[in-house]
Amino acid sequence: MHDIADLETRGVPAMFIASDAFVVAADSQSKALGFPSLQRVFVPHPIQDRTDDEMSALADSAYDSIVAAITKN
């Protein structure tokens, strides 16, 4: 989160991807860093036990949201 905030401070569009178990933590930390509207995409939790094919499908399903988040003004 600190890296994303740093990039935004430098004028570089940034966003992050995390599993949905971290929604509350991400909201709290982005507010604490002074960037409450940092762009983010959450994917279903858990991810650590997913197969390569499942991870590919998860990435494919999140692709449009990721592009929208990184290109949002």
N, C-alpha and C. Protein backbone atom coordinates (compact mmCIF):
# COMPACT_ATOMS: atom_id res chain seq x y z
N MET A 1 0.82 -1.18 0.00
CA MET A 1 0.00 0.00 0.00
C MET A 1 0.87 1.25 0.00
N HIS A 2 1.97 1.23 0.73
CA HIS A 2 2.86 2.39 0.75
C HIS A 2 3.43 2.66 -0.63
N ASP A 3 3.77 1.60 -1.37
CA ASP A 3 4.30 1.77 -2.72
C ASP A 3 3.27 2.42 -3.64
N ILE A 4 2.03 1.98 -3.51
CA ILE A 4 0.97 2.53 -4.35
C ILE A 4 0.76 4.01 -4.03
N ALA A 5 0.74 4.35 -2.74
CA ALA A 5 0.59 5.75 -2.33
C ALA A 5 1.77 6.58 -2.85
N ASP A 6 2.98 6.03 -2.79
CA ASP A 6 4.16 6.74 -3.29
C ASP A 6 4.04 7.00 -4.78
N LEU A 7 3.62 6.01 -5.54
CA LEU A 7 3.45 6.20 -6.98
C LEU A 7 2.43 7.29 -7.26
N GLU A 8 1.32 7.26 -6.56
CA GLU A 8 0.28 8.28 -6.75
C GLU A 8 0.83 9.67 -6.43
N THR A 9 1.64 9.78 -5.38
CA THR A 9 2.25 11.06 -5.01
C THR A 9 3.13 11.57 -6.14
N ARG A 10 3.78 10.68 -6.86
CA ARG A 10 4.66 11.05 -7.97
C ARG A 10 3.91 11.28 -9.27
N GLY A 11 2.58 11.11 -9.23
CA GLY A 11 1.78 11.32 -10.42
C GLY A 11 1.68 10.12 -11.33
N VAL A 12 2.11 8.96 -10.84
CA VAL A 12 2.03 7.73 -11.62
C VAL A 12 0.73 7.01 -11.25
N PRO A 13 -0.15 6.78 -12.21
CA PRO A 13 -1.38 6.07 -11.88
C PRO A 13 -1.06 4.69 -11.31
N ALA A 14 -1.73 4.35 -10.23
CA ALA A 14 -1.44 3.08 -9.57
C ALA A 14 -2.72 2.49 -9.00
N MET A 15 -2.70 1.19 -8.81
CA MET A 15 -3.81 0.48 -8.18
C MET A 15 -3.25 -0.80 -7.58
N PHE A 16 -4.05 -1.47 -6.78
CA PHE A 16 -3.59 -2.73 -6.23
C PHE A 16 -4.67 -3.79 -6.33
N ILE A 17 -4.22 -5.03 -6.26
CA ILE A 17 -5.11 -6.19 -6.30
C ILE A 17 -4.87 -6.98 -5.02
N ALA A 18 -5.95 -7.37 -4.38
CA ALA A 18 -5.85 -8.17 -3.16
C ALA A 18 -7.06 -9.08 -3.09
N SER A 19 -6.98 -10.07 -2.23
CA SER A 19 -8.16 -10.92 -2.05
C SER A 19 -9.16 -10.19 -1.15
N ASP A 20 -10.41 -10.57 -1.28
CA ASP A 20 -11.48 -9.85 -0.60
C ASP A 20 -11.46 -9.99 0.92
N ALA A 21 -10.58 -10.79 1.45
CA ALA A 21 -10.42 -10.87 2.90
C ALA A 21 -9.78 -9.59 3.45
N PHE A 22 -9.23 -8.76 2.57
CA PHE A 22 -8.48 -7.58 3.00
C PHE A 22 -9.19 -6.26 2.68
N VAL A 23 -10.48 -6.29 2.41
CA VAL A 23 -11.21 -5.08 2.08
C VAL A 23 -11.15 -4.06 3.21
N VAL A 24 -11.47 -4.48 4.42
CA VAL A 24 -11.49 -3.55 5.55
C VAL A 24 -10.09 -3.01 5.84
N ALA A 25 -9.10 -3.87 5.82
CA ALA A 25 -7.72 -3.44 6.08
C ALA A 25 -7.25 -2.46 5.01
N ALA A 26 -7.58 -2.73 3.75
CA ALA A 26 -7.18 -1.83 2.67
C ALA A 26 -7.85 -0.47 2.81
N ASP A 27 -9.12 -0.46 3.15
CA ASP A 27 -9.82 0.81 3.36
C ASP A 27 -9.16 1.60 4.48
N SER A 28 -8.90 0.94 5.59
CA SER A 28 -8.29 1.62 6.74
C SER A 28 -6.91 2.17 6.41
N GLN A 29 -6.09 1.35 5.77
CA GLN A 29 -4.73 1.79 5.50
C GLN A 29 -4.68 2.89 4.44
N SER A 30 -5.52 2.79 3.42
CA SER A 30 -5.51 3.84 2.40
C SER A 30 -5.96 5.18 2.99
N LYS A 31 -6.92 5.15 3.90
CA LYS A 31 -7.35 6.38 4.58
C LYS A 31 -6.23 6.91 5.46
N ALA A 32 -5.55 6.03 6.19
CA ALA A 32 -4.47 6.44 7.08
C ALA A 32 -3.31 7.07 6.30
N LEU A 33 -3.10 6.61 5.07
CA LEU A 33 -2.02 7.15 4.23
C LEU A 33 -2.44 8.41 3.48
N GLY A 34 -3.70 8.79 3.64
CA GLY A 34 -4.17 9.99 2.98
C GLY A 34 -4.63 9.78 1.55
N PHE A 35 -4.89 8.55 1.17
CA PHE A 35 -5.35 8.21 -0.17
C PHE A 35 -6.59 7.33 -0.10
N PRO A 36 -7.69 7.88 0.41
CA PRO A 36 -8.89 7.05 0.60
C PRO A 36 -9.50 6.52 -0.69
N SER A 37 -9.17 7.14 -1.81
CA SER A 37 -9.77 6.69 -3.07
C SER A 37 -8.78 5.93 -3.96
N LEU A 38 -7.72 5.38 -3.36
CA LEU A 38 -6.80 4.55 -4.15
C LEU A 38 -7.59 3.49 -4.90
N GLN A 39 -7.27 3.31 -6.15
CA GLN A 39 -7.96 2.30 -6.95
C GLN A 39 -7.54 0.91 -6.50
N ARG A 40 -8.52 0.01 -6.48
CA ARG A 40 -8.25 -1.35 -6.00
C ARG A 40 -9.20 -2.34 -6.65
N VAL A 41 -8.75 -3.55 -6.75
CA VAL A 41 -9.58 -4.64 -7.24
C VAL A 41 -9.42 -5.79 -6.25
N PHE A 42 -10.53 -6.32 -5.82
CA PHE A 42 -10.49 -7.46 -4.91
C PHE A 42 -10.98 -8.71 -5.64
N VAL A 43 -10.29 -9.81 -5.41
CA VAL A 43 -10.65 -11.10 -5.99
C VAL A 43 -11.06 -12.03 -4.86
N PRO A 44 -11.80 -13.08 -5.18
CA PRO A 44 -12.26 -13.99 -4.12
C PRO A 44 -11.11 -14.64 -3.35
N HIS A 45 -11.30 -14.71 -2.06
CA HIS A 45 -10.35 -15.35 -1.15
C HIS A 45 -10.81 -16.78 -0.94
N PRO A 46 -9.97 -17.72 -0.73
CA PRO A 46 -8.51 -17.66 -0.69
C PRO A 46 -7.91 -17.87 -2.07
N ILE A 47 -6.64 -17.53 -2.19
CA ILE A 47 -5.95 -17.77 -3.47
C ILE A 47 -4.80 -18.76 -3.33
N GLN A 48 -4.30 -18.97 -2.12
CA GLN A 48 -3.08 -19.76 -1.96
C GLN A 48 -3.23 -21.22 -2.37
N ASP A 49 -4.42 -21.78 -2.34
CA ASP A 49 -4.59 -23.19 -2.68
C ASP A 49 -5.13 -23.42 -4.09
N ARG A 50 -5.19 -22.38 -4.87
CA ARG A 50 -5.75 -22.52 -6.22
C ARG A 50 -4.72 -23.11 -7.18
N THR A 51 -5.23 -23.85 -8.13
CA THR A 51 -4.37 -24.41 -9.18
C THR A 51 -3.98 -23.31 -10.16
N ASP A 52 -3.03 -23.61 -11.02
CA ASP A 52 -2.63 -22.63 -12.05
C ASP A 52 -3.82 -22.28 -12.93
N ASP A 53 -4.62 -23.27 -13.30
CA ASP A 53 -5.78 -23.00 -14.14
C ASP A 53 -6.80 -22.13 -13.42
N GLU A 54 -7.00 -22.37 -12.14
CA GLU A 54 -7.93 -21.54 -11.36
C GLU A 54 -7.42 -20.11 -11.24
N MET A 55 -6.10 -19.95 -11.06
CA MET A 55 -5.53 -18.61 -10.97
C MET A 55 -5.66 -17.88 -12.30
N SER A 56 -5.47 -18.59 -13.39
CA SER A 56 -5.63 -17.98 -14.71
C SER A 56 -7.07 -17.52 -14.91
N ALA A 57 -8.02 -18.35 -14.51
CA ALA A 57 -9.43 -17.99 -14.64
C ALA A 57 -9.76 -16.79 -13.75
N LEU A 58 -9.18 -16.76 -12.56
CA LEU A 58 -9.40 -15.64 -11.64
C LEU A 58 -8.84 -14.35 -12.24
N ALA A 59 -7.65 -14.43 -12.80
CA ALA A 59 -7.04 -13.26 -13.44
C ALA A 59 -7.87 -12.80 -14.63
N ASP A 60 -8.33 -13.74 -15.43
CA ASP A 60 -9.17 -13.39 -16.58
C ASP A 60 -10.45 -12.69 -16.13
N SER A 61 -11.05 -13.17 -15.05
CA SER A 61 -12.30 -12.58 -14.58
C SER A 61 -12.09 -11.18 -14.00
N ALA A 62 -10.89 -10.89 -13.52
CA ALA A 62 -10.60 -9.59 -12.92
C ALA A 62 -10.02 -8.59 -13.92
N TYR A 63 -9.67 -9.04 -15.11
CA TYR A 63 -8.96 -8.21 -16.08
C TYR A 63 -9.66 -6.88 -16.36
N ASP A 64 -10.93 -6.92 -16.69
CA ASP A 64 -11.63 -5.67 -17.03
C ASP A 64 -11.64 -4.70 -15.85
N SER A 65 -11.81 -5.21 -14.65
CA SER A 65 -11.81 -4.35 -13.46
C SER A 65 -10.42 -3.75 -13.23
N ILE A 66 -9.38 -4.52 -13.50
CA ILE A 66 -8.01 -4.03 -13.33
C ILE A 66 -7.73 -2.90 -14.34
N VAL A 67 -8.08 -3.12 -15.59
CA VAL A 67 -7.87 -2.09 -16.61
C VAL A 67 -8.65 -0.83 -16.25
N ALA A 68 -9.89 -1.00 -15.82
CA ALA A 68 -10.70 0.16 -15.44
C ALA A 68 -10.09 0.91 -14.26
N ALA A 69 -9.56 0.18 -13.29
CA ALA A 69 -8.97 0.83 -12.11
C ALA A 69 -7.70 1.59 -12.47
N ILE A 70 -6.86 1.05 -13.33
CA ILE A 70 -5.59 1.71 -13.64
C ILE A 70 -5.79 2.88 -14.61
N THR A 71 -6.88 2.90 -15.33
CA THR A 71 -7.11 3.97 -16.29
C THR A 71 -8.10 5.01 -15.80
N LYS A 72 -8.63 4.82 -14.61
CA LYS A 72 -9.61 5.77 -14.06
C LYS A 72 -8.93 7.08 -13.69
N ASN A 73 -9.54 8.18 -14.05
CA ASN A 73 -8.98 9.49 -13.73
C ASN A 73 -9.44 9.93 -12.37
